[in-house]
Protein backbone atom coordinates (compact mmCIF):
# COMPACT_ATOMS: atom_id res chain seq x y z
CA UNK A 1 -24.90 13.47 5.67
CA UNK A 2 -22.96 10.27 4.96
CA UNK A 3 -24.19 10.09 1.36
CA UNK A 4 -23.09 13.68 0.73
CA UNK A 5 -19.66 12.94 2.20
CA UNK A 6 -19.37 9.77 0.11
CA UNK A 7 -20.14 11.67 -3.10
CA UNK A 8 -17.67 14.41 -2.18
CA UNK A 9 -14.88 11.92 -1.50
CA UNK A 10 -15.58 10.16 -4.80
CA UNK A 11 -15.66 13.45 -6.73
CA UNK A 12 -12.33 14.57 -5.25
CA UNK A 13 -10.74 11.17 -5.79
CA UNK A 14 -9.93 10.82 -2.10
CA UNK A 15 -11.58 7.46 -1.48
CA UNK A 16 -9.06 4.67 -1.84
CA UNK A 17 -9.17 0.87 -1.91
CA UNK A 18 -6.42 -1.31 -0.55
CA UNK A 19 -4.67 -3.06 -3.43
CA UNK A 20 -1.79 -4.72 -1.59
CA UNK A 21 -0.62 -5.46 1.94
CA UNK A 22 2.70 -7.24 2.37
CA UNK A 23 5.70 -7.51 4.65
CA UNK A 24 7.98 -8.38 1.71
CA UNK A 25 9.87 -5.36 0.36
CA UNK A 26 10.60 -7.10 -2.96
CA UNK A 27 6.89 -7.75 -3.61
CA UNK A 28 6.04 -4.15 -2.71
CA UNK A 29 8.75 -2.79 -5.03
CA UNK A 30 7.64 -5.02 -7.92
CA UNK A 31 3.97 -3.99 -7.61
CA UNK A 32 4.80 -0.28 -7.21
CA UNK A 33 7.07 -0.43 -10.29
CA UNK A 34 4.31 -2.02 -12.40
CA UNK A 35 1.80 0.60 -11.29
CA UNK A 36 4.26 3.42 -12.02
CA UNK A 37 5.08 1.97 -15.47
CA UNK A 38 1.36 1.80 -16.29
CA UNK A 39 0.78 5.35 -15.03
CA UNK A 40 -1.65 4.26 -12.32
CA UNK A 41 -1.72 6.80 -9.47
CA UNK A 42 -1.43 5.18 -6.05
CA UNK A 43 -0.71 6.03 -2.45
CA UNK A 44 1.74 4.00 -0.40
CA UNK A 45 1.92 3.55 3.34
CA UNK A 46 5.02 2.07 4.97
CA UNK A 47 4.71 1.18 8.66
CA UNK A 48 7.57 -0.16 10.79
CA UNK A 49 6.21 -2.88 13.07
CA UNK A 50 9.30 -4.46 14.59
CA UNK A 51 10.47 -4.35 18.17
CA UNK A 52 13.07 -1.67 17.45
CA UNK A 53 10.27 0.79 16.67
CA UNK A 54 8.95 0.69 20.22
CA UNK A 55 10.31 2.79 23.06
CA UNK A 56 11.62 -0.23 24.91
CA UNK A 57 15.30 0.64 24.72
CA UNK A 58 16.19 -2.57 22.88
CA UNK A 59 16.92 -3.20 19.25
CA UNK A 60 15.30 -6.38 18.03
CA UNK A 61 14.22 -9.52 19.77
CA UNK A 62 15.31 -13.13 19.75
CA UNK A 63 13.75 -14.84 16.76
CA UNK A 64 12.45 -11.63 15.18
CA UNK A 65 13.07 -11.34 11.44
CA UNK A 66 14.14 -7.79 10.71
CA UNK A 67 13.38 -8.20 7.00
CA UNK A 68 9.70 -8.81 7.82
CA UNK A 69 9.26 -6.04 10.37
CA UNK A 70 7.87 -3.42 7.97
CA UNK A 71 4.34 -3.42 6.58
CA UNK A 72 3.84 -2.09 3.05
CA UNK A 73 0.41 -1.03 1.77
CA UNK A 74 -0.63 0.28 -1.64
CA UNK A 75 -3.96 2.06 -2.19
CA UNK A 76 -5.67 3.11 -5.43
CA UNK A 77 -8.89 4.99 -6.09
CA UNK A 78 -11.90 2.96 -7.25
CA UNK A 79 -11.71 4.73 -10.62
CA UNK A 80 -8.17 3.39 -11.16
CA UNK A 81 -8.90 -0.12 -9.86
CA UNK A 82 -9.39 -1.72 -13.32
CA UNK A 83 -6.16 -0.15 -14.63
CA UNK A 84 -4.27 -1.35 -11.55
CA UNK A 85 -5.53 -4.91 -12.02
CA UNK A 86 -4.51 -4.85 -15.69
CA UNK A 87 -1.05 -3.56 -14.77
CA UNK A 88 -0.54 -6.33 -12.23
CA UNK A 89 -1.73 -8.99 -14.66
CA UNK A 90 0.66 -7.71 -17.30
CA UNK A 91 -2.11 -6.79 -19.72
CA UNK A 92 -1.81 -3.82 -22.09
């Protein structure tokens, strides 16, 4: 059953590989812009991870860097992996 599911996911283009994980919004924006400019389809996931996302009733914590409290992930399908690598390397 697993092989059938694997083939179906590949055929529908639903299987994705993680291209980038970062907590830096500038890096995420730069990579997403390069992929968009190259026409590489991708899926993004943005996950808040800071203290103010929890139901604790407080906003932030001593020593916590608010600019690094969000995780950014970019995924591409295996078929688009070579094009994504070229886009990030600046190749035509």
